[in-house]
Amino acid sequence: MKKEITIDDFSPHLFWDVDLDRFDLQIHKAHLVQKVLEYGLISDWNLIKDLYGLDQIKDISIKIRSLDAVTLSYLSALFNIDKTEFRCYKHRQLYPTYWNF
C-alpha cells in the first residue's frame, strides 16, 4: 500500500515563501508543479508524477505563465509538444526583455 503524499515529503527549499499549514496539494497544484519543475530535485519530480500523473502535469505546465528555457525545452520534449503551445513561450514573445539578448 502506498503512503499518502504530503507537503512534508517535498524538498523544504521549494516552499520558503508559503505557509505550509495552509498549503493544500489539490488547491495549489499549479503552484506546486511550477516550483518542482523549476527548482525541484528528481525526488520531487517523482512525487508529483505519483501525485498528479503525467497528463495532469502536462495540462498544468501548458498553462503556466513563466518557465525557464531549460524546463520549457524538457517539457516540450517529454510531452512531444511544440514550445509555441506553452503559455510561457507566448508570454515571453509578447514581453521581450531588451537587456537580455
Protein backbone atom coordinates (compact mmCIF):
# COMPACT_ATOMS: atom_id res chain seq x y z
CA MET A 1 0.00 0.00 0.00
CA LYS A 2 1.35 3.41 -0.96
CA LYS A 3 1.90 6.06 1.64
CA GLU A 4 -0.15 9.23 1.18
CA ILE A 5 1.96 12.07 -0.20
CA THR A 6 2.07 15.22 1.92
CA ILE A 7 3.77 18.58 1.56
CA ASP A 8 6.42 17.42 4.04
CA ASP A 9 7.63 14.82 1.51
CA PHE A 10 8.86 17.56 -0.85
CA SER A 11 12.18 19.42 -0.54
CA PRO A 12 11.86 22.20 2.04
CA HIS A 13 13.70 24.75 -0.14
CA LEU A 14 10.74 24.82 -2.54
CA PHE A 15 8.34 26.36 -0.06
CA TRP A 16 10.23 29.08 1.77
CA ASP A 17 7.57 31.58 0.69
CA VAL A 18 4.36 29.75 1.67
CA ASP A 19 2.56 28.82 4.89
CA LEU A 20 2.79 25.02 4.87
CA ASP A 21 -0.06 24.69 7.36
CA ARG A 22 -2.45 26.23 4.83
CA PHE A 23 -0.97 24.67 1.67
CA ASP A 24 -3.34 22.21 0.02
CA LEU A 25 -1.89 19.86 -2.60
CA GLN A 26 -5.06 19.89 -4.70
CA ILE A 27 -5.97 23.56 -4.46
CA HIS A 28 -2.42 24.80 -5.06
CA LYS A 29 -1.30 22.15 -7.54
CA ALA A 30 -0.29 24.65 -10.25
CA HIS A 31 2.00 26.42 -7.78
CA LEU A 32 3.45 23.10 -6.61
CA VAL A 33 4.07 21.84 -10.14
CA GLN A 34 5.78 25.07 -11.19
CA LYS A 35 8.06 25.07 -8.13
CA VAL A 36 9.03 21.43 -8.66
CA LEU A 37 9.62 21.88 -12.39
CA GLU A 38 11.92 24.85 -11.94
CA TYR A 39 13.61 24.25 -8.59
CA GLY A 40 12.87 20.69 -7.50
CA LEU A 41 15.02 17.62 -7.22
CA ILE A 42 14.41 14.36 -9.08
CA SER A 43 12.71 13.02 -5.95
CA ASP A 44 10.27 15.96 -6.08
CA TRP A 45 9.59 15.23 -9.75
CA ASN A 46 8.80 11.60 -8.90
CA LEU A 47 6.43 12.74 -6.16
CA ILE A 48 4.38 15.00 -8.45
CA LYS A 49 4.29 12.23 -11.07
CA ASP A 50 2.84 9.87 -8.45
CA LEU A 51 0.51 12.53 -7.07
CA TYR A 52 -0.92 14.01 -10.29
CA GLY A 53 0.20 11.83 -13.20
CA LEU A 54 1.82 12.98 -16.43
CA ASP A 55 -1.45 14.03 -18.08
CA GLN A 56 -2.29 16.49 -15.31
CA ILE A 57 1.30 17.78 -15.19
CA LYS A 58 1.11 18.34 -18.95
CA ASP A 59 -2.16 20.29 -18.65
CA ILE A 60 -0.80 22.40 -15.81
CA SER A 61 2.58 23.10 -17.43
CA ILE A 62 0.99 24.25 -20.69
CA LYS A 63 -0.91 26.93 -18.74
CA ILE A 64 1.96 28.15 -16.52
CA ARG A 65 2.78 31.78 -17.21
CA SER A 66 6.56 31.58 -16.77
CA LEU A 67 9.06 28.75 -17.02
CA ASP A 68 12.78 28.95 -17.61
CA ALA A 69 14.11 27.92 -21.02
CA VAL A 70 15.60 24.62 -19.84
CA THR A 71 12.37 23.50 -18.20
CA LEU A 72 10.38 24.53 -21.26
CA SER A 73 12.67 22.51 -23.53
CA TYR A 74 12.46 19.47 -21.26
CA LEU A 75 8.65 19.57 -21.10
CA SER A 76 8.39 20.14 -24.83
CA ALA A 77 10.50 17.04 -25.49
CA LEU A 78 8.86 14.94 -22.76
CA PHE A 79 5.30 15.60 -23.90
CA ASN A 80 6.18 15.90 -27.61
CA ILE A 81 4.57 19.33 -27.83
CA ASP A 82 5.93 22.30 -29.75
CA LYS A 83 7.23 25.07 -27.50
CA THR A 84 4.84 27.53 -29.08
CA GLU A 85 1.91 25.69 -27.46
CA PHE A 86 3.05 26.69 -23.96
CA ARG A 87 1.64 29.85 -22.43
CA CYS A 88 5.04 30.82 -21.05
CA TYR A 89 6.51 30.80 -24.57
CA LYS A 90 3.75 33.04 -25.90
CA HIS A 91 4.05 35.35 -22.91
CA ARG A 92 7.82 35.64 -23.41
CA GLN A 93 7.29 36.62 -27.04
CA LEU A 94 4.79 39.32 -26.08
CA TYR A 95 7.03 40.88 -23.44
CA PRO A 96 10.66 40.64 -24.57
CA THR A 97 13.40 41.81 -22.24
CA TYR A 98 15.62 44.04 -24.30
CA TRP A 99 18.59 43.84 -21.96
CA ASN A 100 18.90 40.02 -22.32
CA PHE A 101 19.96 39.40 -25.91
